[in-house]
Amino acid sequence: MTLSAAERERLADVVRLQPTKNKELQEQWGMESGSEVHGYLEGHLSDYYYRNEDSYICATPEAAELTGVEPGVEGDEDGVDVIRVPELEAQVFEVVAGPDERSESVVSVLHKVREAFDADPEVDAVREALQSLRRKGVVEVVYRTVPTFKLTVERDDVDVEVV
């Protein structure tokens, strides 16, 4: 399916806002009703979205690739304003070194998550969370003896929504 520029832009909204509801897209797109949103999604973007187990609208991985938009990230050229992430990513965001602090290893972040949240994630899950936050533009990798991580933004400048 070949998308027009307008369809591609609306698909980017779905990727950026996911998981989302008809109402949020209705407001974003200036439509009259949730039914109109549903009709548009089915008529124009049916190959690129699905509804999750909670009936929220989500974009397929192909949609993110096609639009070049990172899922669950809102912002503009000045930076990221909102990220929608799973609970572990929110926890990692909360404890990883700030932009003015020395970057830290995955294991260091793992210990901080365990201490701060009384959680016991696997080291690979923390590594994946850090890489996901890197792709969202809020964490950077600093290569030392091992890859280390720190925020690229001030924690207070980004709203984190757990999905």
N, C-alpha and C. Protein backbone atom coordinates (compact mmCIF):
# COMPACT_ATOMS: atom_id res chain seq x y z
N MET A 1 0.85 -1.18 0.00
CA MET A 1 0.00 0.00 0.00
C MET A 1 0.90 1.25 0.00
N THR A 2 0.69 2.14 -0.96
CA THR A 2 1.42 3.40 -1.04
C THR A 2 0.61 4.47 -0.33
N LEU A 3 1.28 5.22 0.53
CA LEU A 3 0.59 6.25 1.31
C LEU A 3 0.85 7.63 0.74
N SER A 4 -0.17 8.48 0.79
CA SER A 4 0.00 9.88 0.41
C SER A 4 0.75 10.59 1.53
N ALA A 5 1.16 11.81 1.29
CA ALA A 5 1.87 12.59 2.31
C ALA A 5 0.98 12.79 3.54
N ALA A 6 -0.30 13.07 3.32
CA ALA A 6 -1.23 13.28 4.44
C ALA A 6 -1.41 12.00 5.24
N GLU A 7 -1.53 10.87 4.55
CA GLU A 7 -1.67 9.58 5.24
C GLU A 7 -0.40 9.26 6.04
N ARG A 8 0.73 9.53 5.45
CA ARG A 8 2.00 9.27 6.13
C ARG A 8 2.13 10.14 7.38
N GLU A 9 1.68 11.38 7.29
CA GLU A 9 1.72 12.28 8.45
C GLU A 9 0.79 11.80 9.56
N ARG A 10 -0.38 11.35 9.18
CA ARG A 10 -1.31 10.84 10.19
C ARG A 10 -0.80 9.53 10.79
N LEU A 11 -0.16 8.72 9.97
CA LEU A 11 0.45 7.49 10.48
C LEU A 11 1.55 7.82 11.48
N ALA A 12 2.32 8.86 11.21
CA ALA A 12 3.36 9.31 12.15
C ALA A 12 2.72 9.72 13.48
N ASP A 13 1.54 10.34 13.42
CA ASP A 13 0.83 10.69 14.66
C ASP A 13 0.47 9.44 15.45
N VAL A 14 0.01 8.40 14.75
CA VAL A 14 -0.34 7.15 15.43
C VAL A 14 0.90 6.56 16.10
N VAL A 15 2.03 6.55 15.39
CA VAL A 15 3.27 6.01 15.95
C VAL A 15 3.68 6.82 17.18
N ARG A 16 3.68 8.12 17.05
CA ARG A 16 4.15 9.02 18.12
C ARG A 16 3.25 8.95 19.35
N LEU A 17 1.94 8.89 19.14
CA LEU A 17 0.98 8.96 20.24
C LEU A 17 0.64 7.60 20.86
N GLN A 18 1.06 6.53 20.24
CA GLN A 18 0.68 5.20 20.74
C GLN A 18 1.19 4.92 22.14
N PRO A 19 0.48 4.13 22.88
CA PRO A 19 -0.88 3.66 22.62
C PRO A 19 -1.85 4.82 22.80
N THR A 20 -2.81 4.90 21.92
CA THR A 20 -3.71 6.05 21.91
C THR A 20 -5.16 5.60 21.74
N LYS A 21 -6.05 6.56 21.80
CA LYS A 21 -7.48 6.32 21.67
C LYS A 21 -8.02 7.12 20.49
N ASN A 22 -9.20 6.74 20.04
CA ASN A 22 -9.86 7.49 18.97
C ASN A 22 -9.96 8.96 19.34
N LYS A 23 -10.32 9.25 20.59
CA LYS A 23 -10.53 10.64 21.03
C LYS A 23 -9.26 11.48 20.85
N GLU A 24 -8.10 10.92 21.22
CA GLU A 24 -6.86 11.66 21.08
C GLU A 24 -6.55 11.94 19.61
N LEU A 25 -6.76 10.95 18.76
CA LEU A 25 -6.53 11.16 17.33
C LEU A 25 -7.58 12.11 16.75
N GLN A 26 -8.80 12.04 17.23
CA GLN A 26 -9.85 12.95 16.79
C GLN A 26 -9.42 14.40 17.03
N GLU A 27 -8.90 14.67 18.22
CA GLU A 27 -8.43 16.02 18.54
C GLU A 27 -7.22 16.41 17.69
N GLN A 28 -6.29 15.47 17.52
CA GLN A 28 -5.07 15.73 16.75
C GLN A 28 -5.41 16.03 15.29
N TRP A 29 -6.36 15.32 14.75
CA TRP A 29 -6.68 15.43 13.33
C TRP A 29 -7.86 16.36 13.04
N GLY A 30 -8.48 16.92 14.06
CA GLY A 30 -9.60 17.84 13.85
C GLY A 30 -10.83 17.17 13.26
N MET A 31 -11.07 15.95 13.66
CA MET A 31 -12.24 15.22 13.14
C MET A 31 -13.43 15.41 14.08
N GLU A 32 -14.61 15.09 13.56
CA GLU A 32 -15.85 15.31 14.29
C GLU A 32 -16.15 14.24 15.34
N SER A 33 -15.68 13.00 15.10
CA SER A 33 -16.06 11.93 16.02
C SER A 33 -15.02 10.82 16.02
N GLY A 34 -15.13 9.97 17.03
CA GLY A 34 -14.29 8.79 17.10
C GLY A 34 -14.60 7.82 15.97
N SER A 35 -15.85 7.81 15.54
CA SER A 35 -16.25 6.96 14.42
C SER A 35 -15.54 7.39 13.14
N GLU A 36 -15.39 8.70 12.96
CA GLU A 36 -14.68 9.21 11.79
C GLU A 36 -13.21 8.77 11.83
N VAL A 37 -12.61 8.80 13.02
CA VAL A 37 -11.23 8.34 13.18
C VAL A 37 -11.14 6.87 12.82
N HIS A 38 -12.06 6.07 13.37
CA HIS A 38 -12.06 4.63 13.09
C HIS A 38 -12.19 4.38 11.59
N GLY A 39 -13.08 5.10 10.94
CA GLY A 39 -13.25 4.95 9.51
C GLY A 39 -11.99 5.30 8.73
N TYR A 40 -11.31 6.36 9.17
CA TYR A 40 -10.07 6.76 8.50
C TYR A 40 -9.00 5.68 8.68
N LEU A 41 -8.86 5.22 9.92
CA LEU A 41 -7.86 4.19 10.18
C LEU A 41 -8.12 2.95 9.32
N GLU A 42 -9.36 2.51 9.28
CA GLU A 42 -9.70 1.31 8.51
C GLU A 42 -9.56 1.55 7.00
N GLY A 43 -9.94 2.72 6.56
CA GLY A 43 -9.92 3.01 5.12
C GLY A 43 -8.56 3.37 4.57
N HIS A 44 -7.67 3.92 5.41
CA HIS A 44 -6.39 4.43 4.91
C HIS A 44 -5.16 3.78 5.53
N LEU A 45 -5.26 3.34 6.78
CA LEU A 45 -4.06 2.88 7.49
C LEU A 45 -4.21 1.47 8.06
N SER A 46 -5.13 0.69 7.53
CA SER A 46 -5.43 -0.61 8.12
C SER A 46 -4.23 -1.56 8.19
N ASP A 47 -3.29 -1.43 7.27
CA ASP A 47 -2.11 -2.30 7.28
C ASP A 47 -1.07 -1.89 8.33
N TYR A 48 -1.26 -0.73 8.94
CA TYR A 48 -0.20 -0.17 9.78
C TYR A 48 -0.60 0.06 11.24
N TYR A 49 -1.77 -0.41 11.64
CA TYR A 49 -2.15 -0.23 13.04
C TYR A 49 -2.92 -1.46 13.51
N TYR A 50 -3.01 -1.58 14.82
CA TYR A 50 -3.80 -2.64 15.44
C TYR A 50 -4.28 -2.13 16.80
N ARG A 51 -5.17 -2.86 17.40
CA ARG A 51 -5.62 -2.51 18.75
C ARG A 51 -5.04 -3.55 19.71
N ASN A 52 -4.44 -3.04 20.80
CA ASN A 52 -3.84 -3.95 21.78
C ASN A 52 -4.91 -4.58 22.66
N GLU A 53 -4.49 -5.36 23.64
CA GLU A 53 -5.44 -6.08 24.49
C GLU A 53 -6.34 -5.15 25.30
N ASP A 54 -5.96 -3.88 25.44
CA ASP A 54 -6.79 -2.90 26.14
C ASP A 54 -7.57 -2.01 25.17
N SER A 55 -7.58 -2.38 23.90
CA SER A 55 -8.28 -1.67 22.83
C SER A 55 -7.66 -0.32 22.46
N TYR A 56 -6.43 -0.08 22.89
CA TYR A 56 -5.72 1.13 22.47
C TYR A 56 -5.17 0.94 21.07
N ILE A 57 -5.07 2.02 20.33
CA ILE A 57 -4.54 2.00 18.97
C ILE A 57 -3.02 2.03 19.04
N CYS A 58 -2.39 1.08 18.35
CA CYS A 58 -0.93 0.99 18.30
C CYS A 58 -0.50 0.85 16.85
N ALA A 59 0.69 1.34 16.55
CA ALA A 59 1.24 1.22 15.21
C ALA A 59 2.06 -0.06 15.10
N THR A 60 2.09 -0.61 13.91
CA THR A 60 2.93 -1.78 13.66
C THR A 60 4.39 -1.34 13.58
N PRO A 61 5.31 -2.27 13.75
CA PRO A 61 6.73 -1.93 13.57
C PRO A 61 7.00 -1.35 12.17
N GLU A 62 6.28 -1.84 11.17
CA GLU A 62 6.45 -1.32 9.81
C GLU A 62 6.06 0.15 9.73
N ALA A 63 5.06 0.55 10.50
CA ALA A 63 4.62 1.96 10.50
C ALA A 63 5.73 2.85 11.04
N ALA A 64 6.35 2.41 12.13
CA ALA A 64 7.45 3.19 12.71
C ALA A 64 8.61 3.29 11.72
N GLU A 65 8.91 2.20 11.07
CA GLU A 65 10.00 2.19 10.09
C GLU A 65 9.67 3.09 8.90
N LEU A 66 8.46 3.01 8.42
CA LEU A 66 8.02 3.80 7.27
C LEU A 66 8.05 5.30 7.55
N THR A 67 7.65 5.68 8.76
CA THR A 67 7.57 7.11 9.08
C THR A 67 8.87 7.67 9.66
N GLY A 68 9.73 6.78 10.18
CA GLY A 68 10.96 7.25 10.81
C GLY A 68 10.73 7.88 12.17
N VAL A 69 9.57 7.63 12.76
CA VAL A 69 9.21 8.20 14.05
C VAL A 69 9.40 7.14 15.12
N GLU A 70 9.97 7.54 16.24
CA GLU A 70 10.16 6.61 17.36
C GLU A 70 8.83 6.45 18.09
N PRO A 71 8.37 5.21 18.28
CA PRO A 71 7.09 4.99 18.96
C PRO A 71 7.05 5.57 20.37
N GLY A 72 5.92 6.19 20.69
CA GLY A 72 5.69 6.67 22.04
C GLY A 72 6.50 7.89 22.43
N VAL A 73 6.92 8.70 21.45
CA VAL A 73 7.72 9.89 21.74
C VAL A 73 7.03 11.11 21.16
N GLU A 74 6.82 12.12 21.99
CA GLU A 74 6.28 13.39 21.52
C GLU A 74 7.29 14.47 21.77
N GLY A 75 7.43 15.37 20.84
CA GLY A 75 8.35 16.48 20.99
C GLY A 75 8.46 17.24 19.69
N ASP A 76 9.39 18.19 19.68
CA ASP A 76 9.62 18.96 18.48
C ASP A 76 11.13 19.11 18.30
N GLU A 77 11.53 20.06 17.45
CA GLU A 77 12.96 20.23 17.20
C GLU A 77 13.73 20.66 18.44
N ASP A 78 13.04 21.15 19.46
CA ASP A 78 13.69 21.54 20.70
C ASP A 78 13.93 20.36 21.64
N GLY A 79 13.34 19.21 21.34
CA GLY A 79 13.57 18.04 22.17
C GLY A 79 12.31 17.26 22.46
N VAL A 80 12.48 16.23 23.27
CA VAL A 80 11.41 15.33 23.64
C VAL A 80 10.62 15.93 24.80
N ASP A 81 9.29 15.89 24.69
CA ASP A 81 8.43 16.40 25.76
C ASP A 81 7.79 15.27 26.57
N VAL A 82 7.38 14.21 25.87
CA VAL A 82 6.68 13.11 26.50
C VAL A 82 7.20 11.80 25.92
N ILE A 83 7.42 10.83 26.78
CA ILE A 83 7.71 9.47 26.30
C ILE A 83 6.71 8.54 26.96
N ARG A 84 6.23 7.58 26.19
CA ARG A 84 5.32 6.56 26.71
C ARG A 84 6.10 5.26 26.72
N VAL A 85 6.31 4.73 27.90
CA VAL A 85 7.20 3.59 28.05
C VAL A 85 6.63 2.56 29.03
N PRO A 86 7.11 1.32 28.93
CA PRO A 86 6.75 0.33 29.95
C PRO A 86 7.34 0.71 31.31
N GLU A 87 6.85 0.06 32.35
CA GLU A 87 7.26 0.40 33.71
C GLU A 87 8.77 0.34 33.93
N LEU A 88 9.42 -0.70 33.42
CA LEU A 88 10.87 -0.82 33.64
C LEU A 88 11.62 0.35 33.01
N GLU A 89 11.21 0.78 31.81
CA GLU A 89 11.87 1.93 31.19
C GLU A 89 11.66 3.20 32.01
N ALA A 90 10.49 3.36 32.58
CA ALA A 90 10.24 4.52 33.44
C ALA A 90 11.14 4.47 34.66
N GLN A 91 11.31 3.30 35.23
CA GLN A 91 12.19 3.14 36.39
C GLN A 91 13.64 3.45 36.02
N VAL A 92 14.08 2.94 34.88
CA VAL A 92 15.45 3.19 34.43
C VAL A 92 15.66 4.69 34.20
N PHE A 93 14.68 5.33 33.56
CA PHE A 93 14.77 6.78 33.33
C PHE A 93 14.92 7.52 34.65
N GLU A 94 14.23 7.06 35.66
CA GLU A 94 14.24 7.71 36.96
C GLU A 94 15.59 7.62 37.66
N VAL A 95 16.35 6.54 37.43
CA VAL A 95 17.58 6.33 38.21
C VAL A 95 18.88 6.51 37.43
N VAL A 96 18.84 6.46 36.11
CA VAL A 96 20.09 6.55 35.34
C VAL A 96 20.73 7.93 35.56
N ALA A 97 22.04 7.98 35.43
CA ALA A 97 22.78 9.22 35.66
C ALA A 97 22.21 10.37 34.82
N GLY A 98 22.18 11.54 35.41
CA GLY A 98 21.70 12.74 34.73
C GLY A 98 22.70 13.24 33.70
N PRO A 99 22.31 14.24 32.91
CA PRO A 99 23.16 14.73 31.82
C PRO A 99 24.49 15.33 32.31
N ASP A 100 24.53 15.82 33.53
CA ASP A 100 25.76 16.42 34.06
C ASP A 100 26.55 15.48 34.95
N GLU A 101 26.09 14.23 35.04
CA GLU A 101 26.75 13.24 35.88
C GLU A 101 27.59 12.29 35.03
N ARG A 102 28.44 11.55 35.68
CA ARG A 102 29.26 10.55 34.99
C ARG A 102 28.36 9.40 34.55
N SER A 103 28.52 8.98 33.31
CA SER A 103 27.71 7.89 32.78
C SER A 103 28.00 6.60 33.57
N GLU A 104 27.06 5.68 33.50
CA GLU A 104 27.19 4.46 34.30
C GLU A 104 26.85 3.21 33.49
N SER A 105 27.36 2.10 33.98
CA SER A 105 27.17 0.82 33.29
C SER A 105 25.75 0.29 33.48
N VAL A 106 25.42 -0.70 32.67
CA VAL A 106 24.13 -1.36 32.78
C VAL A 106 23.97 -1.96 34.18
N VAL A 107 25.03 -2.58 34.68
CA VAL A 107 24.96 -3.21 36.00
C VAL A 107 24.72 -2.17 37.09
N SER A 108 25.33 -1.01 36.96
CA SER A 108 25.11 0.06 37.93
C SER A 108 23.64 0.50 37.91
N VAL A 109 23.09 0.67 36.72
CA VAL A 109 21.68 1.05 36.60
C VAL A 109 20.79 -0.05 37.17
N LEU A 110 21.13 -1.31 36.89
CA LEU A 110 20.38 -2.45 37.43
C LEU A 110 20.31 -2.38 38.96
N HIS A 111 21.45 -2.14 39.60
CA HIS A 111 21.46 -2.07 41.06
C HIS A 111 20.62 -0.90 41.57
N LYS A 112 20.67 0.23 40.87
CA LYS A 112 19.87 1.39 41.28
C LYS A 112 18.37 1.11 41.15
N VAL A 113 17.97 0.41 40.08
CA VAL A 113 16.56 0.05 39.90
C VAL A 113 16.13 -0.88 41.03
N ARG A 114 16.96 -1.87 41.32
CA ARG A 114 16.63 -2.83 42.39
C ARG A 114 16.47 -2.12 43.73
N GLU A 115 17.37 -1.18 44.00
CA GLU A 115 17.33 -0.47 45.28
C GLU A 115 16.15 0.50 45.36
N ALA A 116 15.92 1.25 44.30
CA ALA A 116 14.90 2.30 44.33
C ALA A 116 13.48 1.75 44.25
N PHE A 117 13.29 0.63 43.56
CA PHE A 117 11.93 0.16 43.29
C PHE A 117 11.63 -1.21 43.86
N ASP A 118 12.56 -1.78 44.60
CA ASP A 118 12.38 -3.11 45.15
C ASP A 118 11.93 -4.07 44.05
N ALA A 119 12.58 -3.95 42.91
CA ALA A 119 12.29 -4.79 41.75
C ALA A 119 13.51 -5.66 41.47
N ASP A 120 13.33 -6.70 40.68
CA ASP A 120 14.44 -7.59 40.37
C ASP A 120 14.48 -7.93 38.88
N PRO A 121 14.68 -6.90 38.03
CA PRO A 121 14.73 -7.20 36.60
C PRO A 121 16.04 -7.90 36.22
N GLU A 122 16.03 -8.56 35.10
CA GLU A 122 17.24 -9.19 34.56
C GLU A 122 18.12 -8.11 33.97
N VAL A 123 19.41 -8.35 33.94
CA VAL A 123 20.36 -7.38 33.38
C VAL A 123 20.04 -7.10 31.92
N ASP A 124 19.64 -8.14 31.16
CA ASP A 124 19.31 -7.93 29.74
C ASP A 124 18.09 -7.04 29.58
N ALA A 125 17.14 -7.13 30.49
CA ALA A 125 15.96 -6.27 30.42
C ALA A 125 16.34 -4.81 30.66
N VAL A 126 17.26 -4.57 31.58
CA VAL A 126 17.73 -3.20 31.84
C VAL A 126 18.51 -2.69 30.63
N ARG A 127 19.33 -3.54 30.03
CA ARG A 127 20.08 -3.15 28.83
C ARG A 127 19.11 -2.77 27.71
N GLU A 128 18.07 -3.58 27.52
CA GLU A 128 17.07 -3.28 26.48
C GLU A 128 16.34 -1.98 26.79
N ALA A 129 16.03 -1.73 28.06
CA ALA A 129 15.35 -0.49 28.45
C ALA A 129 16.24 0.71 28.15
N LEU A 130 17.52 0.60 28.46
CA LEU A 130 18.46 1.70 28.17
C LEU A 130 18.56 1.95 26.67
N GLN A 131 18.62 0.88 25.89
CA GLN A 131 18.71 1.04 24.43
C GLN A 131 17.43 1.65 23.86
N SER A 132 16.29 1.25 24.40
CA SER A 132 15.02 1.84 23.95
C SER A 132 14.99 3.34 24.27
N LEU A 133 15.42 3.71 25.47
CA LEU A 133 15.47 5.12 25.85
C LEU A 133 16.48 5.88 24.99
N ARG A 134 17.55 5.22 24.58
CA ARG A 134 18.52 5.84 23.67
C ARG A 134 17.85 6.13 22.33
N ARG A 135 17.10 5.17 21.80
CA ARG A 135 16.41 5.38 20.52
C ARG A 135 15.38 6.50 20.62
N LYS A 136 14.83 6.72 21.81
CA LYS A 136 13.86 7.80 22.01
C LYS A 136 14.55 9.15 22.18
N GLY A 137 15.87 9.15 22.28
CA GLY A 137 16.62 10.40 22.35
C GLY A 137 16.78 10.99 23.73
N VAL A 138 16.50 10.21 24.78
CA VAL A 138 16.61 10.75 26.13
C VAL A 138 17.78 10.17 26.92
N VAL A 139 18.46 9.19 26.35
CA VAL A 139 19.65 8.59 26.96
C VAL A 139 20.71 8.51 25.89
N GLU A 140 21.97 8.70 26.29
CA GLU A 140 23.07 8.54 25.35
C GLU A 140 24.03 7.48 25.85
N VAL A 141 24.77 6.90 24.92
CA VAL A 141 25.79 5.92 25.24
C VAL A 141 27.14 6.63 25.24
N VAL A 142 27.92 6.39 26.28
CA VAL A 142 29.28 6.90 26.35
C VAL A 142 30.18 5.67 26.40
N TYR A 143 31.05 5.54 25.40
CA TYR A 143 31.90 4.36 25.34
C TYR A 143 33.16 4.58 26.15
N ARG A 144 33.30 3.77 27.19
CA ARG A 144 34.52 3.73 27.99
C ARG A 144 35.01 2.29 27.89
N THR A 145 35.47 1.69 28.95
CA THR A 145 35.87 0.28 28.90
C THR A 145 34.68 -0.58 28.49
N VAL A 146 33.51 -0.23 29.00
CA VAL A 146 32.25 -0.85 28.60
C VAL A 146 31.30 0.28 28.23
N PRO A 147 30.27 0.00 27.45
CA PRO A 147 29.30 1.06 27.16
C PRO A 147 28.65 1.52 28.46
N THR A 148 28.51 2.83 28.62
CA THR A 148 27.86 3.41 29.79
C THR A 148 26.78 4.36 29.31
N PHE A 149 25.90 4.73 30.22
CA PHE A 149 24.71 5.48 29.83
C PHE A 149 24.46 6.65 30.76
N LYS A 150 23.85 7.70 30.20
CA LYS A 150 23.36 8.82 31.00
C LYS A 150 22.29 9.53 30.21
N LEU A 151 21.51 10.34 30.90
CA LEU A 151 20.43 11.09 30.25
C LEU A 151 21.00 12.16 29.33
N THR A 152 20.27 12.47 28.29
CA THR A 152 20.61 13.59 27.41
C THR A 152 19.78 14.81 27.75
N VAL A 153 18.79 14.62 28.61
CA VAL A 153 17.83 15.67 28.97
C VAL A 153 17.72 15.75 30.48
N GLU A 154 17.26 16.87 30.96
CA GLU A 154 16.96 16.98 32.38
C GLU A 154 15.70 16.16 32.66
N ARG A 155 15.71 15.41 33.73
CA ARG A 155 14.57 14.56 34.08
C ARG A 155 13.27 15.34 34.12
N ASP A 156 13.31 16.56 34.65
CA ASP A 156 12.10 17.38 34.79
C ASP A 156 11.56 17.89 33.47
N ASP A 157 12.35 17.83 32.39
CA ASP A 157 11.92 18.32 31.10
C ASP A 157 11.09 17.33 30.30
N VAL A 158 10.99 16.09 30.80
CA VAL A 158 10.29 15.05 30.08
C VAL A 158 9.23 14.44 30.98
N ASP A 159 8.01 14.36 30.47
CA ASP A 159 6.95 13.64 31.18
C ASP A 159 7.02 12.19 30.74
N VAL A 160 7.05 11.29 31.70
CA VAL A 160 7.10 9.86 31.42
C VAL A 160 5.74 9.27 31.74
N GLU A 161 5.13 8.65 30.74
CA GLU A 161 3.84 8.00 30.91
C GLU A 161 4.06 6.51 30.82
N VAL A 162 3.67 5.77 31.84
CA VAL A 162 3.81 4.32 31.85
C VAL A 162 2.63 3.70 31.13
N VAL A 163 2.94 2.82 30.19
CA VAL A 163 1.88 2.15 29.44
C VAL A 163 1.87 0.66 29.75
